[in-house]
Amino acid sequence: MAHPTSLHTESDARVLRLKRGEDRRLAAGHLWVFSNEVDTDSTPLTGFAPGAVAELRSARDAFMGWVCVNPHALICARILSRELSQRVDRALLERRLAAALALRERLGTARHCRWVFGESDLVPGLVLDRYGDVVVGQIATAGMEALKADIEAAVRTVVNPAALFWKNDSGARELEHLPQVAEAAFGEVPAEVEVLESGLTFRAPVATGQKTGWFYDQSANRRRLGSYLPAGARVLDVCSYVGAWAVSALRQGAAAAHCVDASQAALDCAQANAARNGVAVEVTRADAFDALKALGERDARFDVVVLDPPAFIKRKKDIPQGQAAYRKLNQLALGVLAEEGLLVSCSCSYHLAPEALQEALQGAARHAGRFVQILEAGGQSPDHPVHPAIPETRYLKAFFCRATRGVG
């Protein structure tokens, strides 16, 4: 059955026109239109309501795609369809969500995964995480906000979960002039969701948790950790949140694990997750830098240290300060790492290039009097695919490093 479009009809679609020469990046596959690329003389941005759908056309009047427009944002439009006949409506959203689900089914993680990853699944501004029969979503753009009712209907059609919860509290919404709000779209949303990962069972908070409750992007890296764990390893999980790294390490053969986080609620959840999987973790509530410094002063030593901090660099102007923070955190971690120890150093800051994290690691190693060798470089899990034309979709870095005495 055909679905009616909720935003426009054939007769009322408007045109957003690009300046001359501003179509190359978009023709190469990128989905974002910046406000300075628009021919505002012929198509003023002020003439569009936030979330409005328009035809994007080049200066030569070539059709570039259907876009959702936000006149108030630097990224003033995002392409949702490149086919003139494939308009922005519920049917398109259903196709996009079904295609995204098909990928996760091939990966074998369809019931517990990042189901939709924004631009990489051709639904810019939308994230959907699946926890069995509960879906938690985040909308970051005015276009997706305008399509929210159609998204909810598409979610019902494609997977028909028991509940959908919108956790729209990210800072990205401020850039789009959208309010931060958390609310159930339908169904009864539990306080905690169940997560199945690599044969282990976890629970994570929804409304009070970080992101959508869980970090599926590190799933593959947590599995990878097992191949590097020495027998009877002592593991320190810094910025542990609800203990995913620590519990995974214990079930992969580590003898002991210690979680450090600034949130007592997260640490309580970490201990409960450990118990669910037949292990136990020690916990310390503290700032990561303060905790590592205190452990170093006590000459504490760990065979494995995992650093999985929040993004220190959210904007380009934060790069110098953020680089210094990554170097300092890694230096403190090396101070508590045993000889021949394993350091897993992560960054989710898109603006920190992999090479910059390597430089921070090398600077930390020299200050700590250690020689570090990068054994493997991990990234985000396959349910967070990278769009090859959009470098912004590749953000997670995870370096598995061996550290010995002596400076390299």
Protein backbone atom coordinates (compact mmCIF):
# COMPACT_ATOMS: atom_id res chain seq x y z
CA MET A 1 0.00 0.00 0.00
CA ALA A 2 1.37 3.40 -0.90
CA HIS A 3 2.10 5.75 1.99
CA PRO A 4 1.21 9.42 1.67
CA THR A 5 4.01 11.88 2.10
CA SER A 6 3.59 13.84 5.31
CA LEU A 7 5.67 16.88 4.36
CA HIS A 8 4.87 17.95 0.85
CA THR A 9 3.09 17.17 -2.36
CA GLU A 10 4.28 17.35 -5.96
CA SER A 11 2.86 20.84 -6.28
CA ASP A 12 4.39 22.46 -3.20
CA ALA A 13 7.98 21.19 -3.32
CA ARG A 14 10.40 24.11 -3.32
CA VAL A 15 13.87 24.43 -4.81
CA LEU A 16 17.11 25.09 -2.96
CA ARG A 17 19.75 26.16 -5.45
CA LEU A 18 23.51 25.90 -5.10
CA LYS A 19 26.03 28.52 -6.12
CA ARG A 20 28.11 27.86 -9.17
CA GLY A 21 30.79 25.21 -8.56
CA GLU A 22 29.37 24.11 -5.19
CA ASP A 23 28.02 20.80 -6.43
CA ARG A 24 31.29 18.83 -6.72
CA ARG A 25 31.52 17.53 -3.16
CA LEU A 26 27.85 16.56 -3.18
CA ALA A 27 28.15 14.87 -6.57
CA ALA A 28 31.03 12.84 -5.08
CA GLY A 29 28.69 11.45 -2.41
CA HIS A 30 28.63 13.81 0.56
CA LEU A 31 25.19 14.54 1.99
CA TRP A 32 25.69 17.91 3.68
CA VAL A 33 24.96 21.33 2.22
CA PHE A 34 26.56 24.30 3.99
CA SER A 35 24.80 27.64 4.11
CA ASN A 36 27.61 29.42 2.25
CA GLU A 37 27.12 27.03 -0.70
CA VAL A 38 23.53 28.13 -1.31
CA ASP A 39 22.53 30.72 -3.89
CA THR A 40 20.54 32.77 -1.41
CA ASP A 41 19.77 35.45 -4.00
CA SER A 42 17.55 33.08 -5.98
CA THR A 43 16.54 30.76 -3.10
CA PRO A 44 16.75 32.60 0.23
CA LEU A 45 17.17 30.25 3.17
CA THR A 46 14.81 32.46 5.17
CA GLY A 47 12.02 31.26 2.94
CA PHE A 48 12.24 27.72 4.34
CA ALA A 49 10.74 26.47 7.57
CA PRO A 50 13.00 24.23 9.72
CA GLY A 51 12.68 20.66 8.46
CA ALA A 52 11.11 21.60 5.13
CA VAL A 53 11.74 19.30 2.18
CA ALA A 54 13.10 20.78 -1.04
CA GLU A 55 14.65 19.84 -4.34
CA LEU A 56 18.36 20.57 -4.34
CA ARG A 57 19.53 21.81 -7.70
CA SER A 58 22.88 22.95 -9.05
CA ALA A 59 23.53 26.35 -10.59
CA ARG A 60 22.90 24.65 -13.95
CA ASP A 61 19.54 23.39 -12.69
CA ALA A 62 20.64 19.74 -12.44
CA PHE A 63 18.70 17.78 -9.83
CA MET A 64 21.05 16.88 -6.93
CA GLY A 65 18.60 15.30 -4.52
CA TRP A 66 15.76 15.72 -2.07
CA VAL A 67 16.91 17.53 1.05
CA CYS A 68 15.60 18.52 4.44
CA VAL A 69 16.39 22.18 5.13
CA ASN A 70 17.22 24.05 8.30
CA PRO A 71 17.74 27.77 7.61
CA HIS A 72 19.15 28.31 11.12
CA ALA A 73 22.04 25.81 10.92
CA LEU A 74 25.50 25.96 9.36
CA ILE A 75 24.72 22.61 7.70
CA CYS A 76 21.56 24.01 6.20
CA ALA A 77 20.42 20.96 4.24
CA ARG A 78 21.04 17.21 4.12
CA ILE A 79 20.34 14.88 1.23
CA LEU A 80 17.93 12.01 1.91
CA SER A 81 17.35 10.83 -1.66
CA ARG A 82 19.21 11.29 -4.94
CA GLU A 83 16.41 10.01 -7.17
CA LEU A 84 13.78 12.46 -8.34
CA SER A 85 11.12 9.75 -8.13
CA GLN A 86 12.18 8.66 -4.60
CA ARG A 87 10.63 11.36 -2.52
CA VAL A 88 11.02 11.94 1.20
CA ASP A 89 8.10 10.13 2.80
CA ARG A 90 7.28 7.23 5.08
CA ALA A 91 7.89 4.69 2.34
CA LEU A 92 11.44 5.97 1.85
CA LEU A 93 12.09 5.77 5.58
CA GLU A 94 10.79 2.22 5.69
CA ARG A 95 13.16 1.23 2.87
CA ARG A 96 16.10 2.88 4.61
CA LEU A 97 15.34 1.22 7.96
CA ALA A 98 14.78 -2.17 6.34
CA ALA A 99 18.08 -1.93 4.45
CA ALA A 100 19.90 -0.99 7.65
CA LEU A 101 18.33 -3.93 9.46
CA ALA A 102 19.37 -6.32 6.67
CA LEU A 103 23.01 -5.35 7.22
CA ARG A 104 22.80 -6.00 10.97
CA GLU A 105 21.12 -9.33 10.29
CA ARG A 106 24.10 -10.32 8.14
CA LEU A 107 26.38 -9.27 10.99
CA GLY A 108 24.38 -11.49 13.35
CA THR A 109 23.60 -8.65 15.76
CA ALA A 110 20.19 -7.48 14.59
CA ARG A 111 18.45 -7.63 17.98
CA HIS A 112 21.22 -5.88 19.92
CA CYS A 113 23.02 -3.31 17.80
CA ARG A 114 23.29 0.18 16.38
CA TRP A 115 20.42 -0.33 13.97
CA VAL A 116 20.63 3.03 12.17
CA PHE A 117 23.78 5.13 12.01
CA GLY A 118 22.75 8.42 10.46
CA GLU A 119 24.50 9.37 7.25
CA SER A 120 26.10 5.93 6.88
CA ASP A 121 22.62 4.44 6.52
CA LEU A 122 21.43 7.36 4.36
CA VAL A 123 19.22 8.75 7.12
CA PRO A 124 21.23 11.82 8.19
CA GLY A 125 20.50 12.99 11.70
CA LEU A 126 18.91 9.75 12.95
CA VAL A 127 20.36 7.15 15.30
CA LEU A 128 18.47 4.05 16.41
CA ASP A 129 19.88 1.53 18.89
CA ARG A 130 18.09 -1.75 19.41
CA TYR A 131 17.90 -3.60 22.72
CA GLY A 132 15.80 -6.62 21.91
CA ASP A 133 12.21 -5.41 21.99
CA VAL A 134 13.15 -1.84 22.97
CA VAL A 135 14.48 0.76 20.54
CA VAL A 136 16.17 3.94 21.76
CA GLY A 137 16.54 6.73 19.24
CA GLN A 138 18.20 10.10 18.92
CA ILE A 139 17.30 12.84 16.45
CA ALA A 140 19.92 15.49 15.75
CA THR A 141 18.44 17.50 12.88
CA ALA A 142 15.36 19.56 12.14
CA GLY A 143 14.66 17.39 9.12
CA MET A 144 14.40 14.22 11.18
CA GLU A 145 12.41 16.08 13.82
CA ALA A 146 9.84 17.03 11.18
CA LEU A 147 9.72 13.38 10.09
CA LYS A 148 9.45 11.98 13.62
CA ALA A 149 5.91 10.64 13.26
CA ASP A 150 6.85 8.88 10.02
CA ILE A 151 9.99 7.46 11.62
CA GLU A 152 7.93 6.07 14.47
CA ALA A 153 5.55 4.46 12.01
CA ALA A 154 8.46 3.03 10.01
CA VAL A 155 10.01 1.57 13.17
CA ARG A 156 6.72 -0.19 13.91
CA THR A 157 6.48 -1.52 10.37
CA VAL A 158 10.06 -2.82 10.13
CA VAL A 159 10.64 -4.38 13.57
CA ASN A 160 7.48 -3.68 15.61
CA PRO A 161 9.25 -3.31 18.98
CA ALA A 162 7.44 -3.21 22.29
CA ALA A 163 8.68 0.35 22.91
CA LEU A 164 10.47 3.26 21.28
CA PHE A 165 12.12 5.89 23.45
CA TRP A 166 13.45 9.19 22.14
CA LYS A 167 16.55 10.25 24.08
CA ASN A 168 16.93 13.58 22.37
CA ASP A 169 19.36 15.18 24.79
CA SER A 170 22.52 15.54 22.70
CA GLY A 171 24.35 18.83 22.22
CA ALA A 172 23.95 18.48 18.46
CA ARG A 173 20.32 19.53 18.79
CA GLU A 174 21.38 22.96 20.01
CA LEU A 175 23.10 23.56 16.67
CA GLU A 176 19.78 22.86 14.96
CA HIS A 177 17.80 25.07 17.39
CA LEU A 178 15.98 22.01 18.73
CA PRO A 179 15.01 21.52 22.39
CA GLN A 180 16.48 18.70 24.44
CA VAL A 181 13.77 16.28 25.44
CA ALA A 182 13.43 12.63 26.46
CA GLU A 183 10.10 10.92 25.92
CA ALA A 184 8.49 7.63 24.97
CA ALA A 185 7.09 7.48 21.44
CA PHE A 186 5.11 4.36 22.28
CA GLY A 187 5.16 1.40 24.63
CA GLU A 188 6.39 1.02 28.18
CA VAL A 189 10.07 1.94 28.43
CA PRO A 190 12.00 0.16 31.21
CA ALA A 191 14.46 2.00 33.44
CA GLU A 192 17.17 -0.35 32.17
CA VAL A 193 17.58 -2.21 28.90
CA GLU A 194 19.16 -5.62 28.45
CA VAL A 195 22.20 -5.89 26.19
CA LEU A 196 23.53 -9.14 24.75
CA GLU A 197 27.14 -8.87 23.59
CA SER A 198 29.55 -11.69 22.76
CA GLY A 199 27.55 -14.17 24.81
CA LEU A 200 27.43 -11.90 27.87
CA THR A 201 24.40 -10.21 29.40
CA PHE A 202 24.47 -6.60 30.56
CA ARG A 203 21.95 -4.04 31.68
CA ALA A 204 22.24 -0.32 31.09
CA PRO A 205 20.14 2.69 32.13
CA VAL A 206 18.06 4.41 29.49
CA ALA A 207 16.89 7.84 30.64
CA THR A 208 19.87 8.47 32.95
CA GLY A 209 22.51 6.65 30.90
CA GLN A 210 25.07 7.97 28.44
CA LYS A 211 24.16 8.20 24.75
CA THR A 212 21.31 5.72 24.23
CA GLY A 213 22.39 3.63 27.23
CA TRP A 214 25.15 1.51 25.69
CA PHE A 215 28.25 1.93 23.50
CA TYR A 216 27.79 -0.59 20.71
CA ASP A 217 30.65 1.05 18.80
CA GLN A 218 33.23 -0.66 21.06
CA SER A 219 31.77 -4.17 20.77
CA ALA A 220 34.34 -5.44 18.26
CA ASN A 221 37.23 -3.92 20.22
CA ARG A 222 36.06 -5.57 23.43
CA ARG A 223 36.03 -8.92 21.63
CA ARG A 224 39.50 -8.19 20.26
CA LEU A 225 40.85 -7.61 23.77
CA GLY A 226 40.76 -11.33 24.56
CA SER A 227 43.55 -12.15 22.12
CA TYR A 228 45.94 -9.84 23.98
CA LEU A 229 45.13 -10.69 27.61
CA PRO A 230 48.01 -12.32 29.51
CA ALA A 231 47.10 -15.19 31.83
CA GLY A 232 45.83 -13.92 35.18
CA ALA A 233 45.82 -10.31 34.02
CA ARG A 234 44.97 -7.42 36.34
CA VAL A 235 42.81 -4.96 34.38
CA LEU A 236 42.11 -1.28 35.00
CA ASP A 237 39.04 0.05 33.15
CA VAL A 238 39.21 3.87 33.16
CA CYS A 239 36.02 5.79 32.34
CA SER A 240 34.34 2.43 32.70
CA TYR A 241 30.70 3.55 32.59
CA VAL A 242 28.73 0.32 33.30
CA GLY A 243 31.74 -2.01 33.14
CA ALA A 244 31.60 -3.46 29.63
CA TRP A 245 35.39 -3.61 29.16
CA ALA A 246 36.08 -4.91 32.67
CA VAL A 247 33.44 -7.64 32.61
CA SER A 248 34.43 -8.70 29.10
CA ALA A 249 38.08 -8.97 30.20
CA LEU A 250 37.19 -11.07 33.23
CA ARG A 251 35.14 -13.46 31.13
CA GLN A 252 38.03 -13.65 28.65
CA GLY A 253 40.43 -14.85 31.35
CA ALA A 254 41.55 -11.83 33.38
CA ALA A 255 42.01 -12.51 37.09
CA ALA A 256 40.89 -9.13 38.44
CA ALA A 257 39.38 -5.90 37.17
CA HIS A 258 39.04 -2.42 38.63
CA CYS A 259 36.57 0.15 37.26
CA VAL A 260 37.10 3.91 37.55
CA ASP A 261 34.29 6.33 36.74
CA ALA A 262 32.99 9.67 37.97
CA SER A 263 29.43 8.32 38.30
CA GLN A 264 28.50 6.20 41.29
CA ALA A 265 25.33 5.08 39.51
CA ALA A 266 27.43 3.79 36.60
CA LEU A 267 29.75 1.96 38.99
CA ASP A 268 26.80 0.37 40.80
CA CYS A 269 25.58 -0.83 37.42
CA ALA A 270 29.07 -2.14 36.60
CA GLN A 271 29.11 -4.25 39.75
CA ALA A 272 25.63 -5.57 38.97
CA ASN A 273 26.73 -6.43 35.43
CA ALA A 274 29.74 -8.28 36.78
CA ALA A 275 27.53 -10.31 39.10
CA ARG A 276 25.19 -11.15 36.21
CA ASN A 277 28.11 -12.73 34.42
CA GLY A 278 29.54 -14.59 37.41
CA VAL A 279 32.47 -12.28 38.12
CA ALA A 280 33.25 -9.34 40.40
CA VAL A 281 34.87 -5.93 39.88
CA GLU A 282 36.38 -3.41 42.24
CA VAL A 283 35.26 0.18 41.74
CA THR A 284 36.55 3.67 42.44
CA ARG A 285 34.45 6.78 41.99
CA ALA A 286 36.82 9.51 40.86
CA ASP A 287 37.89 11.73 38.01
CA ALA A 288 40.02 9.68 35.61
CA PHE A 289 43.08 11.93 35.91
CA ASP A 290 42.89 12.09 39.70
CA ALA A 291 42.40 8.32 40.00
CA LEU A 292 45.36 7.47 37.78
CA LYS A 293 47.57 9.95 39.61
CA ALA A 294 46.60 8.48 42.99
CA LEU A 295 47.16 4.91 41.79
CA GLY A 296 50.57 5.89 40.47
CA GLU A 297 51.53 7.45 43.77
CA ARG A 298 50.65 4.17 45.49
CA ASP A 299 52.79 2.24 42.98
CA ALA A 300 49.75 0.26 41.86
CA ARG A 301 50.39 -1.81 38.73
CA PHE A 302 48.06 -3.36 36.16
CA ASP A 303 48.77 -5.71 33.28
CA VAL A 304 46.10 -4.05 31.13
CA VAL A 305 44.83 -0.47 31.21
CA VAL A 306 41.83 0.52 29.08
CA LEU A 307 41.27 4.22 28.43
CA ASP A 308 37.84 4.90 26.94
CA PRO A 309 37.21 8.56 27.84
CA PRO A 310 34.44 10.84 26.57
CA ALA A 311 35.33 13.09 23.66
CA PHE A 312 37.85 15.71 24.79
CA ILE A 313 37.51 17.48 21.44
CA LYS A 314 34.00 18.42 20.39
CA ARG A 315 34.92 21.35 18.14
CA LYS A 316 37.98 22.24 16.07
CA LYS A 317 38.93 25.02 18.46
CA ASP A 318 39.26 22.39 21.23
CA ILE A 319 42.01 20.48 19.40
CA PRO A 320 45.12 21.89 21.19
CA GLN A 321 43.63 21.51 24.66
CA GLY A 322 42.16 18.12 23.78
CA GLN A 323 45.44 16.77 22.42
CA ALA A 324 47.14 17.79 25.64
CA ALA A 325 44.44 15.99 27.66
CA TYR A 326 44.87 12.76 25.67
CA ARG A 327 48.64 12.91 26.12
CA LYS A 328 48.32 13.50 29.87
CA LEU A 329 45.75 10.73 30.35
CA ASN A 330 47.91 8.23 28.47
CA GLN A 331 51.01 9.32 30.38
CA LEU A 332 49.25 8.71 33.69
CA ALA A 333 48.04 5.33 32.45
CA LEU A 334 51.56 4.30 31.47
CA GLY A 335 52.60 5.18 35.01
CA VAL A 336 50.47 2.35 36.40
CA LEU A 337 51.05 -0.14 33.59
CA ALA A 338 53.23 -3.14 34.39
CA GLU A 339 56.27 -4.10 32.32
CA GLU A 340 55.15 -5.67 29.03
CA GLY A 341 51.67 -4.37 29.82
CA LEU A 342 48.87 -3.72 27.35
CA LEU A 343 47.45 -0.22 26.93
CA VAL A 344 44.17 0.13 25.04
CA SER A 345 43.94 3.82 24.20
CA CYS A 346 40.68 5.05 22.70
CA SER A 347 39.29 8.31 21.41
CA CYS A 348 35.79 9.03 20.12
CA SER A 349 36.72 12.59 19.10
CA TYR A 350 36.23 12.90 15.34
CA HIS A 351 38.44 16.01 15.30
CA LEU A 352 41.37 14.01 16.68
CA ALA A 353 42.96 12.27 13.71
CA PRO A 354 44.43 8.78 14.26
CA GLU A 355 47.88 10.24 13.62
CA ALA A 356 47.30 12.85 16.34
CA LEU A 357 46.38 10.14 18.85
CA GLN A 358 49.54 8.27 17.89
CA GLU A 359 51.53 11.45 18.52
CA ALA A 360 49.84 11.84 21.90
CA LEU A 361 50.76 8.22 22.72
CA GLN A 362 54.39 8.76 21.72
CA GLY A 363 54.60 11.99 23.69
CA ALA A 364 53.09 10.25 26.71
CA ALA A 365 55.53 7.36 26.36
CA ARG A 366 58.58 9.63 26.29
CA HIS A 367 57.41 11.58 29.33
CA ALA A 368 56.71 8.32 31.18
CA GLY A 369 60.03 6.73 30.20
CA ARG A 370 58.31 3.93 28.28
CA PHE A 371 58.59 2.45 24.80
CA VAL A 372 55.18 1.89 23.21
CA GLN A 373 54.46 -0.33 20.22
CA ILE A 374 51.07 -0.19 18.50
CA LEU A 375 50.03 -3.78 17.85
CA GLU A 376 46.68 -3.13 16.26
CA ALA A 377 44.40 -0.23 15.40
CA GLY A 378 40.70 -0.78 15.95
CA GLY A 379 37.75 1.36 15.00
CA GLN A 380 34.02 1.37 15.45
CA SER A 381 32.10 -1.89 15.17
CA PRO A 382 30.61 -2.90 11.78
CA ASP A 383 27.14 -1.80 12.88
CA HIS A 384 28.61 1.73 12.72
CA PRO A 385 29.60 1.60 9.02
CA VAL A 386 31.68 4.36 7.46
CA HIS A 387 30.36 6.32 4.49
CA PRO A 388 33.42 6.58 2.20
CA ALA A 389 32.50 10.08 1.03
CA ILE A 390 31.84 11.39 4.56
CA PRO A 391 34.95 11.28 6.77
CA GLU A 392 32.86 12.50 9.70
CA THR A 393 31.32 9.01 9.95
CA ARG A 394 34.71 7.54 10.96
CA TYR A 395 35.31 8.75 14.49
CA LEU A 396 36.40 5.97 16.86
CA LYS A 397 40.06 5.10 17.37
CA ALA A 398 41.31 2.25 19.57
CA PHE A 399 45.03 1.47 19.69
CA PHE A 400 46.18 -1.77 21.30
CA CYS A 401 49.69 -1.05 22.55
CA ARG A 402 52.53 -2.96 24.22
CA ALA A 403 54.57 -0.90 26.67
CA THR A 404 58.04 -1.74 27.91
CA ARG A 405 60.66 0.08 29.95
CA GLY A 406 63.00 2.41 28.12
CA VAL A 407 62.24 5.25 25.75
CA GLY A 408 61.79 4.62 22.06
